[in-house]
Amino acid sequence: MSDEKALTQLIEEVVDQGATTVEEIHRAIAELPLGVLEELGLMERTASDVRRIQDVSLGAIYGLIRDVNHRVAGLAGALLEQRSSATRVEPNE
């Protein structure tokens, strides 16, 4: 595996892991007020509805972030490979 490909994969993995960590924190924070409402017996149905909407929304947002990350990694890998190929070509003098 080329250094360029290894670097691209490493960066892609780090961004994916970061997105997963942020998503988990985001979900935990979003859950706090809903849990309190349910524990107090207030607006239980509303809290449940909001939770479902949040789950779908957060899943879509972080899914999009991961998709963009994969696409950027593919583009970066292709550009780095082109650069690497271009530097290996000997100029005709």
N, C-alpha and C. Protein backbone atom coordinates (compact mmCIF):
# COMPACT_ATOMS: atom_id res chain seq x y z
N MET A 1 0.85 -1.18 0.00
CA MET A 1 0.00 0.00 0.00
C MET A 1 0.89 1.24 0.00
N SER A 2 0.54 2.20 -0.83
CA SER A 2 1.34 3.43 -0.92
C SER A 2 1.14 4.28 0.34
N ASP A 3 2.12 5.13 0.58
CA ASP A 3 2.04 6.05 1.72
C ASP A 3 0.82 6.96 1.59
N GLU A 4 0.53 7.39 0.35
CA GLU A 4 -0.60 8.28 0.12
C GLU A 4 -1.91 7.59 0.49
N LYS A 5 -2.04 6.33 0.06
CA LYS A 5 -3.26 5.58 0.35
C LYS A 5 -3.40 5.33 1.85
N ALA A 6 -2.30 4.98 2.50
CA ALA A 6 -2.33 4.74 3.94
C ALA A 6 -2.71 6.01 4.70
N LEU A 7 -2.17 7.14 4.29
CA LEU A 7 -2.49 8.41 4.94
C LEU A 7 -3.96 8.76 4.73
N THR A 8 -4.45 8.58 3.52
CA THR A 8 -5.85 8.87 3.21
C THR A 8 -6.77 8.00 4.07
N GLN A 9 -6.45 6.72 4.18
CA GLN A 9 -7.28 5.81 4.98
C GLN A 9 -7.24 6.17 6.46
N LEU A 10 -6.06 6.54 6.95
CA LEU A 10 -5.93 6.93 8.35
C LEU A 10 -6.79 8.16 8.65
N ILE A 11 -6.70 9.17 7.80
CA ILE A 11 -7.49 10.39 8.01
C ILE A 11 -8.98 10.07 7.94
N GLU A 12 -9.38 9.25 6.99
CA GLU A 12 -10.80 8.88 6.86
C GLU A 12 -11.28 8.17 8.13
N GLU A 13 -10.49 7.25 8.65
CA GLU A 13 -10.86 6.53 9.87
C GLU A 13 -10.96 7.46 11.07
N VAL A 14 -10.02 8.39 11.18
CA VAL A 14 -10.03 9.33 12.31
C VAL A 14 -11.27 10.23 12.25
N VAL A 15 -11.61 10.71 11.06
CA VAL A 15 -12.80 11.55 10.92
C VAL A 15 -14.05 10.74 11.25
N ASP A 16 -14.13 9.50 10.77
CA ASP A 16 -15.29 8.65 11.08
C ASP A 16 -15.41 8.42 12.59
N GLN A 17 -14.29 8.13 13.24
CA GLN A 17 -14.32 7.91 14.68
C GLN A 17 -14.72 9.18 15.42
N GLY A 18 -14.22 10.31 14.95
CA GLY A 18 -14.61 11.58 15.56
C GLY A 18 -16.09 11.87 15.39
N ALA A 19 -16.62 11.59 14.20
CA ALA A 19 -18.05 11.80 13.96
C ALA A 19 -18.88 10.89 14.85
N THR A 20 -18.44 9.65 15.03
CA THR A 20 -19.18 8.72 15.90
C THR A 20 -19.16 9.20 17.34
N THR A 21 -18.01 9.67 17.81
CA THR A 21 -17.91 10.18 19.18
C THR A 21 -18.81 11.40 19.38
N VAL A 22 -18.76 12.33 18.44
CA VAL A 22 -19.60 13.53 18.54
C VAL A 22 -21.07 13.15 18.49
N GLU A 23 -21.43 12.20 17.63
CA GLU A 23 -22.82 11.75 17.55
C GLU A 23 -23.28 11.16 18.88
N GLU A 24 -22.46 10.34 19.49
CA GLU A 24 -22.82 9.74 20.78
C GLU A 24 -23.03 10.81 21.85
N ILE A 25 -22.13 11.79 21.89
CA ILE A 25 -22.28 12.89 22.85
C ILE A 25 -23.54 13.69 22.55
N HIS A 26 -23.77 13.99 21.27
CA HIS A 26 -24.95 14.75 20.86
C HIS A 26 -26.22 14.03 21.29
N ARG A 27 -26.27 12.72 21.05
CA ARG A 27 -27.46 11.93 21.43
C ARG A 27 -27.65 11.94 22.95
N ALA A 28 -26.57 11.81 23.70
CA ALA A 28 -26.67 11.80 25.17
C ALA A 28 -27.19 13.13 25.69
N ILE A 29 -26.68 14.23 25.13
CA ILE A 29 -27.14 15.56 25.56
C ILE A 29 -28.61 15.77 25.17
N ALA A 30 -28.97 15.36 23.97
CA ALA A 30 -30.36 15.53 23.50
C ALA A 30 -31.33 14.69 24.34
N GLU A 31 -30.86 13.59 24.89
CA GLU A 31 -31.71 12.70 25.68
C GLU A 31 -32.02 13.26 27.07
N LEU A 32 -31.14 14.07 27.61
CA LEU A 32 -31.29 14.54 28.99
C LEU A 32 -32.64 15.21 29.28
N PRO A 33 -33.04 16.25 28.55
CA PRO A 33 -34.32 16.87 28.88
C PRO A 33 -35.52 15.94 28.65
N LEU A 34 -35.42 15.07 27.67
CA LEU A 34 -36.53 14.15 27.40
C LEU A 34 -36.67 13.14 28.55
N GLY A 35 -35.54 12.67 29.05
CA GLY A 35 -35.57 11.76 30.19
C GLY A 35 -36.17 12.40 31.42
N VAL A 36 -35.83 13.66 31.64
CA VAL A 36 -36.39 14.38 32.80
C VAL A 36 -37.90 14.52 32.66
N LEU A 37 -38.36 14.90 31.48
CA LEU A 37 -39.80 15.03 31.26
C LEU A 37 -40.53 13.72 31.52
N GLU A 38 -39.95 12.62 31.07
CA GLU A 38 -40.58 11.31 31.27
C GLU A 38 -40.55 10.91 32.74
N GLU A 39 -39.45 11.16 33.43
CA GLU A 39 -39.35 10.82 34.85
C GLU A 39 -40.37 11.59 35.68
N LEU A 40 -40.63 12.83 35.29
CA LEU A 40 -41.59 13.66 36.00
C LEU A 40 -43.03 13.37 35.58
N GLY A 41 -43.18 12.52 34.58
CA GLY A 41 -44.52 12.20 34.10
C GLY A 41 -45.15 13.32 33.30
N LEU A 42 -44.32 14.21 32.77
CA LEU A 42 -44.82 15.34 32.00
C LEU A 42 -44.61 15.09 30.51
N MET A 43 -45.60 15.31 29.75
CA MET A 43 -45.52 15.26 28.29
C MET A 43 -44.83 13.99 27.80
N GLU A 44 -45.19 12.85 28.36
CA GLU A 44 -44.53 11.59 27.99
C GLU A 44 -44.66 11.28 26.51
N ARG A 45 -45.87 11.47 25.98
CA ARG A 45 -46.06 11.18 24.55
C ARG A 45 -45.26 12.15 23.69
N THR A 46 -45.27 13.42 24.07
CA THR A 46 -44.52 14.41 23.32
C THR A 46 -43.02 14.10 23.37
N ALA A 47 -42.52 13.73 24.54
CA ALA A 47 -41.10 13.39 24.68
C ALA A 47 -40.75 12.20 23.80
N SER A 48 -41.64 11.23 23.75
CA SER A 48 -41.40 10.05 22.91
C SER A 48 -41.38 10.43 21.43
N ASP A 49 -42.31 11.28 21.03
CA ASP A 49 -42.35 11.74 19.63
C ASP A 49 -41.09 12.53 19.28
N VAL A 50 -40.69 13.41 20.18
CA VAL A 50 -39.49 14.22 19.94
C VAL A 50 -38.27 13.31 19.85
N ARG A 51 -38.19 12.31 20.70
CA ARG A 51 -37.06 11.38 20.68
C ARG A 51 -36.96 10.68 19.33
N ARG A 52 -38.10 10.24 18.79
CA ARG A 52 -38.08 9.57 17.48
C ARG A 52 -37.60 10.52 16.39
N ILE A 53 -38.09 11.75 16.43
CA ILE A 53 -37.67 12.75 15.44
C ILE A 53 -36.17 13.05 15.58
N GLN A 54 -35.70 13.20 16.81
CA GLN A 54 -34.27 13.44 17.04
C GLN A 54 -33.43 12.28 16.53
N ASP A 55 -33.85 11.05 16.80
CA ASP A 55 -33.09 9.88 16.36
C ASP A 55 -32.94 9.86 14.84
N VAL A 56 -34.03 10.12 14.15
CA VAL A 56 -33.99 10.14 12.68
C VAL A 56 -33.12 11.29 12.19
N SER A 57 -33.30 12.46 12.77
CA SER A 57 -32.54 13.65 12.35
C SER A 57 -31.05 13.47 12.60
N LEU A 58 -30.69 13.02 13.80
CA LEU A 58 -29.27 12.84 14.12
C LEU A 58 -28.65 11.75 13.25
N GLY A 59 -29.40 10.68 13.01
CA GLY A 59 -28.90 9.63 12.14
C GLY A 59 -28.63 10.15 10.74
N ALA A 60 -29.53 10.98 10.23
CA ALA A 60 -29.35 11.55 8.89
C ALA A 60 -28.16 12.51 8.85
N ILE A 61 -28.04 13.35 9.85
CA ILE A 61 -26.94 14.34 9.89
C ILE A 61 -25.58 13.64 9.93
N TYR A 62 -25.42 12.71 10.87
CA TYR A 62 -24.12 12.07 11.01
C TYR A 62 -23.86 11.06 9.89
N GLY A 63 -24.90 10.52 9.32
CA GLY A 63 -24.74 9.67 8.13
C GLY A 63 -24.22 10.49 6.97
N LEU A 64 -24.74 11.71 6.83
CA LEU A 64 -24.27 12.60 5.76
C LEU A 64 -22.81 12.99 5.98
N ILE A 65 -22.44 13.28 7.22
CA ILE A 65 -21.05 13.62 7.53
C ILE A 65 -20.13 12.47 7.13
N ARG A 66 -20.54 11.24 7.46
CA ARG A 66 -19.71 10.07 7.09
C ARG A 66 -19.65 9.89 5.58
N ASP A 67 -20.76 10.11 4.91
CA ASP A 67 -20.78 9.99 3.45
C ASP A 67 -19.85 11.01 2.81
N VAL A 68 -19.91 12.25 3.26
CA VAL A 68 -19.03 13.28 2.73
C VAL A 68 -17.57 12.90 3.01
N ASN A 69 -17.31 12.41 4.21
CA ASN A 69 -15.95 11.99 4.56
C ASN A 69 -15.44 10.91 3.60
N HIS A 70 -16.25 9.92 3.31
CA HIS A 70 -15.84 8.85 2.40
C HIS A 70 -15.59 9.39 0.98
N ARG A 71 -16.44 10.31 0.55
CA ARG A 71 -16.26 10.89 -0.79
C ARG A 71 -15.00 11.74 -0.86
N VAL A 72 -14.76 12.53 0.17
CA VAL A 72 -13.55 13.36 0.21
C VAL A 72 -12.31 12.47 0.26
N ALA A 73 -12.37 11.40 1.03
CA ALA A 73 -11.23 10.48 1.10
C ALA A 73 -10.94 9.87 -0.27
N GLY A 74 -11.98 9.50 -0.99
CA GLY A 74 -11.79 8.96 -2.34
C GLY A 74 -11.16 9.98 -3.26
N LEU A 75 -11.64 11.20 -3.21
CA LEU A 75 -11.08 12.28 -4.03
C LEU A 75 -9.63 12.56 -3.63
N ALA A 76 -9.38 12.66 -2.33
CA ALA A 76 -8.01 12.92 -1.87
C ALA A 76 -7.07 11.81 -2.30
N GLY A 77 -7.53 10.57 -2.17
CA GLY A 77 -6.71 9.44 -2.59
C GLY A 77 -6.37 9.50 -4.06
N ALA A 78 -7.34 9.83 -4.89
CA ALA A 78 -7.12 9.93 -6.33
C ALA A 78 -6.16 11.07 -6.66
N LEU A 79 -6.32 12.22 -6.00
CA LEU A 79 -5.42 13.35 -6.24
C LEU A 79 -4.00 13.05 -5.80
N LEU A 80 -3.86 12.41 -4.65
CA LEU A 80 -2.53 12.05 -4.17
C LEU A 80 -1.87 11.02 -5.08
N GLU A 81 -2.66 10.10 -5.58
CA GLU A 81 -2.13 9.10 -6.50
C GLU A 81 -1.67 9.75 -7.80
N GLN A 82 -2.46 10.70 -8.31
CA GLN A 82 -2.07 11.43 -9.53
C GLN A 82 -0.77 12.20 -9.29
N ARG A 83 -0.68 12.83 -8.15
CA ARG A 83 0.53 13.59 -7.80
C ARG A 83 1.73 12.66 -7.72
N SER A 84 1.52 11.53 -7.10
CA SER A 84 2.60 10.56 -6.96
C SER A 84 3.04 10.03 -8.33
N SER A 85 2.08 9.75 -9.19
CA SER A 85 2.39 9.27 -10.54
C SER A 85 3.12 10.33 -11.34
N ALA A 86 2.72 11.57 -11.20
CA ALA A 86 3.33 12.67 -11.94
C ALA A 86 4.78 12.90 -11.51
N THR A 87 5.06 12.69 -10.23
CA THR A 87 6.42 12.90 -9.76
C THR A 87 7.35 11.76 -10.14
N ARG A 88 6.78 10.60 -10.48
CA ARG A 88 7.59 9.45 -10.89
C ARG A 88 7.99 9.51 -12.36
N VAL A 89 7.29 10.32 -13.15
CA VAL A 89 7.57 10.44 -14.59
C VAL A 89 8.80 11.31 -14.78
N GLU A 90 9.74 10.80 -15.52
CA GLU A 90 10.97 11.54 -15.80
C GLU A 90 10.69 12.53 -16.93
N PRO A 91 11.09 13.78 -16.77
CA PRO A 91 10.89 14.76 -17.84
C PRO A 91 11.83 14.44 -19.02
N ASN A 92 11.33 14.66 -20.22
CA ASN A 92 12.14 14.47 -21.45
C ASN A 92 12.93 15.74 -21.72
N GLU A 93 14.21 15.58 -21.73
CA GLU A 93 15.05 16.76 -22.00
C GLU A 93 15.88 16.51 -23.23
